[in-house]
C-alpha cells in the first residue's frame, strides 16, 4: 500500500486547491511534472515550487477577467503541465472547471460552452481555433479565449495568447473561502443518445475517490506515472492527476499516442492508465511480429504465455503449482522480459478502464508479467466504484468495491452505489438527476444470484444521507 506518511488525506486538504498547496508545502523541491521540451528536444522536470509559481501567475491573470466564484472556465487542451496550472488556478478562485475533449466536434463544443455558461475558454493552439472559431462567434457569454500556443485570431478580440495574457510576476490576489461540497467541475458525458449531460462533481467527490483508491494502490513518492489518456476523461483526471498529487508521485505527460512507444522506453513509468485499445494495438503488433518468426519461436512465445498464466493463477491462490514452473525463469528471460521492457521495464500497475479488455488479450499480458488490473466506474462516481487489486486480481472481472463505496444489486441486476464520491447531479437537468439518484433501502439478505456474482462480504453502509446512484453495466463482471 501507499506509504501513509506521504499521503495527504481529505482530513488535511478538504478542497483540491488545498491539496495542491499542501503538496507544494511538503514536497517543494521534488519533481512534480516531467514534460518534453520540443524547442530544445529534451525532457524537463518541473518542481512543485516552480509549478506553484506558474499557478500564481495564472491566478493573477484570471483575477483580472473579473470572474466570480461559481463562474465556469473550460479547458480544451492536450495533457500537459499547462493543463494542471490552469486547473489549479481556476479552482483556487472558486471557479468551476469544464474539461472538453480536444477532438470533439465544433458543434458539440459550442453546445457544452453554451449549456455550461462558460465565461472563459482555454484552447491548445491554432489547429483547434481554426476548427472552432466559426462556432464560437455566436456565444455571447464567452468573454475570453486563451490559446496556450500562438494562433491567428482574425477579428475575434476575445482571443489572446497565453504569453501575452499572463503577467510577468505573480502577485497575490484575493481568494474566496469555500468548502468541500462546493461545485468543482462539470464533466460532460458523451452519451449514446441526445445531448451530453453535465456531471457535477464537488471537491469532496473527487478527493474522497482519490483517497479511497489510494487504499488499494501501491504508490510512493519515487514513482513516476505516464499520463496520456485525455484529462477530459474523469478516470485520467482522478487517478492520473489528483491521486499522484495526493501520494506525492511524479507525473510525466506523454507527447501523444504516436510517440507513446518511445515515451514508455524513456520515462520507464511505474504506472499508467489506459483503455483497452492501447493494449489491443500492442497485441496486434506482437502478433504481426510473431507471424515473421520461425515455428520454434512461435511455440516458445505461446508456451511462455501459457506457463506464465498458470504461474499467475497459482500465485493468486486459484490453481495448483504448475509442473513446469522450473522453466519460468528461462521463458521469462527469453520472452516475457522483452514485452515488459517495451513498456519501460518498471511497470508495477497498469489500469485498464473505459471498456472490457478481452480475456484473450488479458491472458497474454498478465501471463507475461504485465500487471493489468481492470475496474468499473462512471463519471457520475468520480469515477471509481470497484477495481481489482494486484494481490487479488481476477482479469475477467472488475474487482471489489473500493473502500468508502457501498454497493448493492437491485432488481434486474441493476447496480446501486453510494458514497462520498457520488455526483451532486446533472447540470440544469433535474429530470435526469432524479432518474439515477434515488433514496433506497435494502434488506440485509442479498439474493443468491447477487452473492454468486459478488462472492465477497458486502461493506457496511456509508454516508446514509447520500442517495444511491443506479447504473446498468454492459457486462456484469463484479464478483
Protein backbone atom coordinates (compact mmCIF):
# COMPACT_ATOMS: atom_id res chain seq x y z
CA UNK A 1 0.00 0.00 0.00
CA UNK A 2 0.97 3.63 -0.34
CA UNK A 3 3.28 4.97 2.37
CA UNK A 4 0.90 6.65 4.82
CA UNK A 5 3.31 9.44 5.81
CA UNK A 6 3.39 10.75 2.22
CA UNK A 7 -0.36 10.80 1.59
CA UNK A 8 -2.39 13.98 2.01
CA UNK A 9 -5.82 12.88 3.16
CA UNK A 10 -9.17 14.68 2.93
CA UNK A 11 -8.88 15.48 6.62
CA UNK A 12 -5.87 17.70 5.82
CA UNK A 13 -6.91 19.04 2.41
CA UNK A 14 -10.67 19.50 2.09
CA UNK A 15 -10.57 21.10 -1.37
CA UNK A 16 -8.49 20.48 -4.50
CA UNK A 17 -6.55 23.77 -4.19
CA UNK A 18 -5.72 22.87 -0.58
CA UNK A 19 -4.41 19.52 -1.81
CA UNK A 20 -2.08 21.25 -4.27
CA UNK A 21 -0.85 23.78 -1.73
CA UNK A 22 -0.21 21.12 0.90
CA UNK A 23 1.78 19.08 -1.62
CA UNK A 24 3.86 22.16 -2.50
CA UNK A 25 4.48 22.74 1.20
CA UNK A 26 5.59 19.14 1.82
CA UNK A 27 7.49 18.47 -1.41
CA UNK A 28 8.55 21.87 -2.77
CA UNK A 29 11.75 20.73 -4.50
CA UNK A 30 10.55 17.30 -5.60
CA UNK A 31 9.74 16.69 -9.25
CA UNK A 32 6.03 17.26 -9.82
CA UNK A 33 5.82 17.03 -13.62
CA UNK A 34 8.04 15.79 -16.41
CA UNK A 35 7.41 17.07 -19.91
CA UNK A 36 9.01 17.15 -23.34
CA UNK A 37 10.57 20.48 -24.29
CA UNK A 38 10.02 20.43 -28.05
CA UNK A 39 12.06 23.60 -28.58
CA UNK A 40 15.22 22.07 -27.12
CA UNK A 41 14.37 18.42 -27.80
CA UNK A 42 14.77 17.28 -24.19
CA UNK A 43 12.62 16.00 -21.33
CA UNK A 44 12.44 18.52 -18.49
CA UNK A 45 11.43 18.31 -14.84
CA UNK A 46 9.32 20.88 -13.03
CA UNK A 47 9.28 21.02 -9.22
CA UNK A 48 6.21 21.59 -7.09
CA UNK A 49 7.57 25.02 -6.16
CA UNK A 50 8.02 26.04 -9.81
CA UNK A 51 4.54 24.77 -10.66
CA UNK A 52 3.07 26.77 -7.78
CA UNK A 53 4.68 29.97 -9.11
CA UNK A 54 3.09 29.44 -12.50
CA UNK A 55 -0.27 28.71 -10.87
CA UNK A 56 0.03 32.04 -9.03
CA UNK A 57 0.71 33.87 -12.32
CA UNK A 58 -2.28 32.21 -13.95
CA UNK A 59 -4.46 33.03 -10.95
CA UNK A 60 -3.45 36.71 -11.18
CA UNK A 61 -4.39 36.76 -14.86
CA UNK A 62 -7.74 35.11 -14.16
CA UNK A 63 -8.46 37.64 -11.42
CA UNK A 64 -8.22 40.45 -13.99
CA UNK A 65 -11.02 38.83 -16.01
CA UNK A 66 -13.49 39.82 -13.25
CA UNK A 67 -14.85 36.30 -12.92
CA UNK A 68 -16.98 35.49 -9.88
CA UNK A 69 -16.89 32.29 -7.76
CA UNK A 70 -19.05 29.72 -9.49
CA UNK A 71 -18.33 31.03 -12.99
CA UNK A 72 -17.35 28.35 -15.50
CA UNK A 73 -13.98 28.08 -17.26
CA UNK A 74 -13.44 25.40 -19.91
CA UNK A 75 -10.13 23.67 -20.69
CA UNK A 76 -9.83 22.14 -24.16
CA UNK A 77 -6.14 21.25 -24.34
CA UNK A 78 -3.87 18.23 -24.50
CA UNK A 79 -2.41 16.76 -21.32
CA UNK A 80 0.43 18.94 -20.16
CA UNK A 81 1.79 20.88 -17.25
CA UNK A 82 -0.30 23.81 -18.52
CA UNK A 83 -3.49 21.80 -18.04
CA UNK A 84 -2.59 21.41 -14.37
CA UNK A 85 -1.61 25.08 -13.99
CA UNK A 86 -4.90 26.33 -15.43
CA UNK A 87 -6.92 23.78 -13.47
CA UNK A 88 -5.35 24.72 -10.14
CA UNK A 89 -5.57 28.46 -10.78
CA UNK A 90 -9.23 28.17 -11.78
CA UNK A 91 -10.16 26.05 -8.78
CA UNK A 92 -8.31 28.29 -6.32
CA UNK A 93 -10.59 31.20 -7.23
CA UNK A 94 -13.74 29.17 -6.60
CA UNK A 95 -14.37 28.87 -10.33
CA UNK A 96 -15.70 25.70 -11.95
CA UNK A 97 -13.64 23.71 -14.47
CA UNK A 98 -15.38 22.33 -17.57
CA UNK A 99 -12.98 19.89 -19.32
CA UNK A 100 -13.59 19.32 -23.03
CA UNK A 101 -12.18 16.55 -25.21
CA UNK A 102 -9.68 18.05 -27.64
CA UNK A 103 -11.03 16.13 -30.65
CA UNK A 104 -14.69 16.90 -30.02
CA UNK A 105 -16.87 18.24 -32.84
CA UNK A 106 -17.21 22.01 -33.06
CA UNK A 107 -20.99 21.91 -32.72
CA UNK A 108 -20.75 19.73 -29.62
CA UNK A 109 -18.16 22.05 -28.08
CA UNK A 110 -20.40 25.03 -28.77
CA UNK A 111 -23.32 23.24 -27.10
CA UNK A 112 -21.25 22.49 -23.97
CA UNK A 113 -19.93 26.04 -23.73
CA UNK A 114 -23.42 27.47 -24.08
CA UNK A 115 -25.12 24.96 -21.78
CA UNK A 116 -22.49 25.34 -19.03
CA UNK A 117 -22.50 29.13 -19.41
CA UNK A 118 -18.72 29.16 -19.85
CA UNK A 119 -17.12 32.60 -19.49
CA UNK A 120 -13.52 31.74 -20.43
CA UNK A 121 -12.14 29.02 -22.70
CA UNK A 122 -8.57 27.66 -22.81
CA UNK A 123 -7.53 26.01 -26.09
CA UNK A 124 -4.30 24.38 -27.25
CA UNK A 125 -3.49 26.41 -30.35
CA UNK A 126 -4.18 27.29 -33.95
CA UNK A 127 -5.48 23.91 -35.11
CA UNK A 128 -8.28 23.97 -32.54
CA UNK A 129 -9.01 27.63 -33.23
CA UNK A 130 -9.46 27.01 -36.94
CA UNK A 131 -11.94 24.22 -36.16
CA UNK A 132 -13.86 26.18 -33.54
CA UNK A 133 -13.86 29.88 -34.31
CA UNK A 134 -16.99 29.88 -36.51
CA UNK A 135 -18.97 28.00 -33.84
CA UNK A 136 -17.75 30.31 -31.05
CA UNK A 137 -18.84 33.58 -32.67
CA UNK A 138 -22.50 33.42 -31.53
CA UNK A 139 -21.61 32.57 -27.90
CA UNK A 140 -22.26 35.86 -26.11
CA UNK A 141 -21.48 34.56 -22.61
CA UNK A 142 -17.97 33.53 -23.67
CA UNK A 143 -15.90 36.63 -22.88
CA UNK A 144 -12.32 35.40 -23.24
CA UNK A 145 -10.41 32.71 -25.16
CA UNK A 146 -6.83 31.88 -24.17
CA UNK A 147 -4.57 29.91 -26.51
CA UNK A 148 -1.62 28.07 -24.97
CA UNK A 149 0.27 28.18 -28.30
CA UNK A 150 0.33 31.06 -30.78
CA UNK A 151 -2.60 31.19 -33.19
CA UNK A 152 -4.16 33.65 -35.61
CA UNK A 153 -7.29 35.11 -34.11
CA UNK A 154 -8.56 37.08 -37.05
CA UNK A 155 -11.03 39.72 -35.88
CA UNK A 156 -12.07 37.98 -32.65
CA UNK A 157 -10.87 40.30 -29.90
CA UNK A 158 -11.65 37.70 -27.25
CA UNK A 159 -8.65 35.59 -28.29
CA UNK A 160 -5.31 36.13 -26.52
CA UNK A 161 -2.10 34.14 -26.49
CA UNK A 162 -1.20 32.81 -23.05
CA UNK A 163 2.21 34.51 -23.20
CA UNK A 164 0.70 37.97 -23.51
CA UNK A 165 -2.18 37.22 -21.12
CA UNK A 166 -0.05 36.10 -18.18
CA UNK A 167 1.53 38.84 -16.03
CA UNK A 168 5.30 38.98 -15.67
CA UNK A 169 5.12 38.43 -11.91
CA UNK A 170 2.68 36.58 -9.70
CA UNK A 171 1.06 39.00 -7.25
CA UNK A 172 -1.25 37.64 -4.58
CA UNK A 173 -4.95 38.12 -5.26
CA UNK A 174 -7.99 37.88 -3.04
CA UNK A 175 -9.23 34.33 -2.90
CA UNK A 176 -12.68 33.21 -1.79
CA UNK A 177 -13.22 30.80 1.06
CA UNK A 178 -15.25 27.74 0.13
CA UNK A 179 -15.82 24.24 1.42
CA UNK A 180 -15.52 20.67 0.14
CA UNK A 181 -19.11 20.44 -1.06
CA UNK A 182 -18.81 23.35 -3.48
CA UNK A 183 -19.01 22.51 -7.18
CA UNK A 184 -15.51 21.90 -8.59
CA UNK A 185 -16.16 20.69 -12.11
CA UNK A 186 -18.84 19.89 -14.68
CA UNK A 187 -17.86 16.95 -16.88
CA UNK A 188 -19.98 16.33 -19.95
CA UNK A 189 -20.56 12.67 -20.77
CA UNK A 190 -20.72 11.67 -24.43
CA UNK A 191 -23.88 9.62 -24.08
CA UNK A 192 -25.31 7.37 -26.77
CA UNK A 193 -28.45 9.37 -27.49
CA UNK A 194 -29.37 13.01 -27.19
CA UNK A 195 -27.24 15.87 -25.94
CA UNK A 196 -24.41 15.22 -23.45
CA UNK A 197 -25.22 15.62 -19.76
CA UNK A 198 -23.05 17.71 -17.44
CA UNK A 199 -21.99 15.71 -14.39
CA UNK A 200 -21.49 17.98 -11.36
CA UNK A 201 -18.65 16.85 -9.10
CA UNK A 202 -17.66 18.56 -5.86
CA UNK A 203 -14.23 18.83 -4.27
CA UNK A 204 -15.29 16.18 -1.74
CA UNK A 205 -16.43 13.82 -4.51
CA UNK A 206 -13.01 13.81 -6.19
CA UNK A 207 -10.86 13.91 -3.05
CA UNK A 208 -12.71 11.04 -1.40
CA UNK A 209 -12.44 8.90 -4.53
CA UNK A 210 -8.72 9.63 -4.88
CA UNK A 211 -8.04 8.87 -1.23
CA UNK A 212 -10.07 5.66 -1.18
CA UNK A 213 -8.36 4.45 -4.37
CA UNK A 214 -5.02 5.02 -2.64
CA UNK A 215 -6.01 2.46 -0.05
CA UNK A 216 -5.71 -0.27 -2.70
CA UNK A 217 -2.97 1.14 -4.98
CA UNK A 218 0.71 0.94 -4.05
CA UNK A 219 2.02 4.41 -4.89
CA UNK A 220 5.05 6.13 -3.40
CA UNK A 221 6.89 9.42 -3.78
CA UNK A 222 9.59 7.92 -6.01
CA UNK A 223 7.07 6.55 -8.51
CA UNK A 224 6.55 8.06 -11.95
CA UNK A 225 3.22 7.84 -13.79
CA UNK A 226 2.80 8.35 -17.51
CA UNK A 227 -0.24 10.41 -18.45
CA UNK A 228 -1.59 10.03 -21.96
CA UNK A 229 -5.35 9.44 -21.72
CA UNK A 230 -7.13 12.81 -22.08
CA UNK A 231 -7.52 14.74 -18.83
CA UNK A 232 -11.04 15.50 -20.02
CA UNK A 233 -11.72 11.86 -19.04
CA UNK A 234 -12.51 11.60 -15.32
CA UNK A 235 -10.53 8.37 -14.91
CA UNK A 236 -7.30 10.03 -16.04
CA UNK A 237 -8.04 13.21 -14.14
CA UNK A 238 -8.73 11.49 -10.81
CA UNK A 239 -6.27 8.60 -10.99
CA UNK A 240 -3.61 10.13 -13.23
CA UNK A 241 -3.56 13.66 -11.79
CA UNK A 242 -5.14 14.21 -8.36
CA UNK A 243 -4.24 10.78 -6.96
CA UNK A 244 -0.47 11.08 -7.70
CA UNK A 245 -0.59 14.58 -6.21
CA UNK A 246 -2.17 13.17 -3.08
CA UNK A 247 0.58 10.49 -2.88
CA UNK A 248 3.46 12.79 -3.89
CA UNK A 249 4.36 10.88 -7.07
CA UNK A 250 5.67 12.39 -10.32
CA UNK A 251 3.53 12.60 -13.46
CA UNK A 252 5.13 12.60 -16.91
CA UNK A 253 2.94 13.89 -19.74
CA UNK A 254 3.34 11.82 -22.90
CA UNK A 255 3.84 13.58 -26.20
CA UNK A 256 0.95 11.75 -27.83
CA UNK A 257 -0.17 8.32 -28.96
CA UNK A 258 2.21 8.24 -32.00
CA UNK A 259 5.21 8.71 -29.65
CA UNK A 260 3.83 6.54 -26.84
CA UNK A 261 6.13 3.57 -27.52
CA UNK A 262 9.20 5.86 -27.35
CA UNK A 263 7.93 7.67 -24.27
CA UNK A 264 7.44 4.39 -22.41
CA UNK A 265 11.07 3.48 -23.02
CA UNK A 266 12.30 6.92 -21.95
CA UNK A 267 10.07 7.55 -18.91
CA UNK A 268 10.06 3.93 -17.67
CA UNK A 269 6.85 4.52 -15.70
CA UNK A 270 5.81 2.64 -12.59
CA UNK A 271 2.16 3.08 -13.51
CA UNK A 272 -0.19 4.16 -16.26
CA UNK A 273 -3.87 4.30 -17.10
CA UNK A 274 -5.11 3.07 -20.42
CA UNK A 275 -8.12 1.97 -22.38
CA UNK A 276 -8.28 -1.48 -23.99
CA UNK A 277 -7.49 -0.01 -27.41
CA UNK A 278 -3.88 0.63 -26.41
CA UNK A 279 -3.35 -2.98 -25.33
CA UNK A 280 -5.13 -4.16 -28.45
CA UNK A 281 -2.66 -2.20 -30.59
CA UNK A 282 0.33 -3.63 -28.74
CA UNK A 283 -1.15 -7.13 -29.03
CA UNK A 284 -1.72 -6.67 -32.77
CA UNK A 285 1.92 -5.60 -33.15
CA UNK A 286 3.08 -8.65 -31.20
CA UNK A 287 1.07 -10.95 -33.46
CA UNK A 288 2.39 -9.17 -36.53
CA UNK A 289 5.97 -9.70 -35.38
CA UNK A 290 5.24 -13.32 -34.48
CA UNK A 291 3.99 -14.01 -37.99
CA UNK A 292 7.51 -13.44 -39.32
CA UNK A 293 9.13 -15.72 -36.72
CA UNK A 294 10.00 -19.40 -37.02
CA UNK A 295 7.64 -22.08 -35.78
CA UNK A 296 10.01 -22.72 -32.87
CA UNK A 297 9.89 -19.06 -31.79
CA UNK A 298 6.10 -19.02 -32.08
CA UNK A 299 5.79 -22.11 -29.88
CA UNK A 300 8.22 -20.60 -27.38
CA UNK A 301 6.13 -17.44 -27.13
CA UNK A 302 2.83 -19.24 -26.54
CA UNK A 303 4.46 -21.63 -24.06
CA UNK A 304 5.64 -18.59 -22.12
CA UNK A 305 2.13 -17.14 -22.15
CA UNK A 306 0.55 -20.41 -21.00
CA UNK A 307 3.08 -21.15 -18.26
CA UNK A 308 3.06 -17.50 -17.16
CA UNK A 309 -0.72 -17.64 -16.85
CA UNK A 310 -0.59 -20.88 -14.86
CA UNK A 311 2.02 -19.29 -12.60
CA UNK A 312 -0.19 -16.20 -12.15
CA UNK A 313 -3.21 -18.32 -11.20
CA UNK A 314 -1.02 -20.29 -8.75
CA UNK A 315 0.30 -17.11 -7.10
CA UNK A 316 -3.27 -15.81 -6.86
CA UNK A 317 -4.23 -18.97 -4.97
CA UNK A 318 -6.64 -20.23 -7.61
CA UNK A 319 -4.64 -23.14 -9.06
CA UNK A 320 -2.09 -25.80 -8.19
CA UNK A 321 1.61 -25.26 -8.68
CA UNK A 322 2.43 -25.83 -12.38
CA UNK A 323 4.58 -28.90 -13.03
CA UNK A 324 6.82 -26.94 -15.43
CA UNK A 325 7.25 -23.90 -13.18
CA UNK A 326 11.01 -24.52 -13.10
CA UNK A 327 11.06 -23.41 -16.76
CA UNK A 328 9.66 -19.95 -16.00
CA UNK A 329 12.99 -18.14 -15.34
CA UNK A 330 14.20 -19.18 -18.81
CA UNK A 331 10.94 -18.32 -20.57
CA UNK A 332 10.81 -15.04 -18.68
CA UNK A 333 14.26 -14.06 -19.91
CA UNK A 334 13.67 -15.21 -23.50
CA UNK A 335 10.09 -13.96 -23.97
CA UNK A 336 8.35 -12.14 -21.12
CA UNK A 337 11.11 -9.64 -20.33
CA UNK A 338 11.13 -8.45 -23.95
CA UNK A 339 7.46 -7.49 -23.67
CA UNK A 340 7.71 -5.79 -20.27
CA UNK A 341 10.82 -3.90 -21.39
CA UNK A 342 8.79 -2.35 -24.25
CA UNK A 343 6.59 -0.87 -21.52
CA UNK A 344 9.60 0.61 -19.77
CA UNK A 345 10.57 -2.29 -17.54
CA UNK A 346 9.38 -0.70 -14.27
CA UNK A 347 5.62 -1.11 -14.59
CA UNK A 348 4.01 -2.02 -11.27
CA UNK A 349 0.40 -1.31 -12.15
CA UNK A 350 -1.47 -0.73 -15.41
CA UNK A 351 -5.10 0.26 -15.03
CA UNK A 352 -7.37 -0.65 -17.92
CA UNK A 353 -10.75 1.05 -17.95
CA UNK A 354 -13.47 2.55 -20.10
CA UNK A 355 -14.45 -0.80 -21.64
CA UNK A 356 -13.79 -4.50 -21.31
CA UNK A 357 -10.36 -5.84 -22.19
CA UNK A 358 -10.87 -9.18 -23.92
CA UNK A 359 -9.91 -12.29 -21.89
CA UNK A 360 -7.58 -13.38 -24.72
CA UNK A 361 -5.53 -10.19 -24.54
CA UNK A 362 -5.65 -10.11 -20.72
CA UNK A 363 -4.22 -13.61 -20.58
CA UNK A 364 -1.32 -12.72 -22.86
CA UNK A 365 -0.26 -9.59 -20.98
CA UNK A 366 -0.91 -10.87 -17.47
CA UNK A 367 0.75 -14.17 -18.29
CA UNK A 368 3.86 -12.34 -19.48
CA UNK A 369 4.03 -10.28 -16.30
CA UNK A 370 2.26 -7.03 -17.22
CA UNK A 371 0.30 -6.10 -14.04
CA UNK A 372 -3.02 -5.13 -15.63
CA UNK A 373 -6.00 -4.54 -13.35
CA UNK A 374 -9.49 -3.73 -14.53
CA UNK A 375 -12.20 -1.86 -12.70
CA UNK A 376 -15.59 -0.26 -13.10
CA UNK A 377 -16.76 3.27 -12.64
CA UNK A 378 -18.70 6.18 -14.05
CA UNK A 379 -18.10 9.87 -14.42
CA UNK A 380 -21.03 10.16 -12.00
CA UNK A 381 -18.98 8.32 -9.33
CA UNK A 382 -15.82 10.41 -9.73
CA UNK A 383 -15.26 7.72 -11.27
CA UNK A 384 -14.11 4.59 -9.38
CA UNK A 385 -16.63 2.16 -7.94
CA UNK A 386 -14.60 -1.05 -7.99
CA UNK A 387 -11.20 -2.29 -9.06
CA UNK A 388 -9.08 -5.41 -8.84
CA UNK A 389 -6.08 -5.48 -6.55
CA UNK A 390 -2.64 -6.64 -7.66
CA UNK A 391 -2.64 -9.29 -4.95
CA UNK A 392 -6.24 -10.28 -5.70
CA UNK A 393 -6.65 -9.91 -9.43
CA UNK A 394 -9.28 -11.67 -11.48
CA UNK A 395 -8.73 -10.38 -15.03
CA UNK A 396 -12.22 -11.30 -16.26
CA UNK A 397 -13.81 -9.19 -13.54
CA UNK A 398 -13.81 -5.60 -12.34
CA UNK A 399 -12.93 -6.48 -8.77
CA UNK A 400 -14.27 -5.41 -5.42
CA UNK A 401 -15.66 -2.06 -4.43
CA UNK A 402 -13.03 0.33 -3.14
CA UNK A 403 -13.20 1.48 0.50
CA UNK A 404 -15.81 4.16 1.08
CA UNK A 405 -18.13 2.92 -1.66
CA UNK A 406 -21.17 0.86 -0.71
CA UNK A 407 -22.70 -1.30 -3.42
CA UNK A 408 -25.89 -3.31 -3.81
CA UNK A 409 -27.58 -5.19 -6.63
CA UNK A 410 -31.24 -4.46 -7.14
CA UNK A 411 -33.90 -5.92 -9.38
CA UNK A 412 -32.91 -6.90 -12.91
CA UNK A 413 -29.24 -6.83 -11.89
CA UNK A 414 -29.29 -3.05 -11.54
CA UNK A 415 -26.18 -1.84 -9.75
CA UNK A 416 -26.51 0.74 -6.98
CA UNK A 417 -23.55 2.58 -5.48
CA UNK A 418 -23.35 5.07 -2.64
CA UNK A 419 -20.53 7.09 -1.12
CA UNK A 420 -18.93 10.50 -0.88
CA UNK A 421 -17.81 10.06 -4.48
CA UNK A 422 -21.33 10.15 -5.93
CA UNK A 423 -22.04 13.26 -8.01
CA UNK A 424 -24.14 16.22 -6.95
CA UNK A 425 -26.35 15.73 -10.02
CA UNK A 426 -26.58 16.78 -13.66
CA UNK A 427 -26.14 20.45 -14.50
CA UNK A 428 -29.51 22.03 -15.37
CA UNK A 429 -31.15 18.61 -15.76
CA UNK A 430 -33.21 17.73 -12.69
CA UNK A 431 -35.20 15.05 -14.52
CA UNK A 432 -32.06 13.09 -15.43
CA UNK A 433 -30.71 13.57 -11.91
CA UNK A 434 -33.82 12.11 -10.32
CA UNK A 435 -33.69 9.17 -12.72
CA UNK A 436 -30.35 7.94 -11.39
CA UNK A 437 -30.05 9.35 -7.83
CA UNK A 438 -32.54 7.64 -5.55
CA UNK A 439 -33.26 7.22 -1.85
CA UNK A 440 -33.46 3.46 -1.30
CA UNK A 441 -33.21 0.90 1.46
CA UNK A 442 -32.05 -2.69 1.11
CA UNK A 443 -32.62 -5.71 3.30
CA UNK A 444 -29.65 -7.49 4.83
CA UNK A 445 -30.42 -10.58 2.76
CA UNK A 446 -28.99 -10.36 -0.74
CA UNK A 447 -30.44 -12.67 -3.35
CA UNK A 448 -28.40 -15.75 -4.29
CA UNK A 449 -27.65 -14.55 -7.79
CA UNK A 450 -26.06 -11.44 -6.36
CA UNK A 451 -24.00 -13.50 -3.92
CA UNK A 452 -22.71 -15.67 -6.74
CA UNK A 453 -21.79 -12.60 -8.78
CA UNK A 454 -20.02 -10.77 -5.99
CA UNK A 455 -18.68 -13.61 -3.82
CA UNK A 456 -17.40 -11.24 -1.17
CA UNK A 457 -18.73 -9.68 2.05
CA UNK A 458 -20.70 -6.53 1.44
CA UNK A 459 -19.13 -3.48 3.08
CA UNK A 460 -21.00 -1.55 5.76
CA UNK A 461 -23.39 1.15 4.62
CA UNK A 462 -21.72 4.55 4.38
CA UNK A 463 -22.95 8.13 4.03
CA UNK A 464 -26.57 7.38 4.84
CA UNK A 465 -27.57 10.92 3.94
CA UNK A 466 -26.43 10.42 0.35
CA UNK A 467 -28.64 8.99 -2.41
CA UNK A 468 -27.81 5.82 -4.32
CA UNK A 469 -26.55 6.03 -7.89
CA UNK A 470 -28.08 3.46 -10.20
CA UNK A 471 -26.25 2.09 -13.23
CA UNK A 472 -26.50 -0.80 -15.66
CA UNK A 473 -23.05 -2.13 -16.61
CA UNK A 474 -23.00 -3.60 -20.09
CA UNK A 475 -21.00 -6.51 -18.68
CA UNK A 476 -21.62 -7.67 -15.12
CA UNK A 477 -18.12 -8.67 -14.09
CA UNK A 478 -18.35 -7.74 -10.43
CA UNK A 479 -17.56 -10.65 -8.14
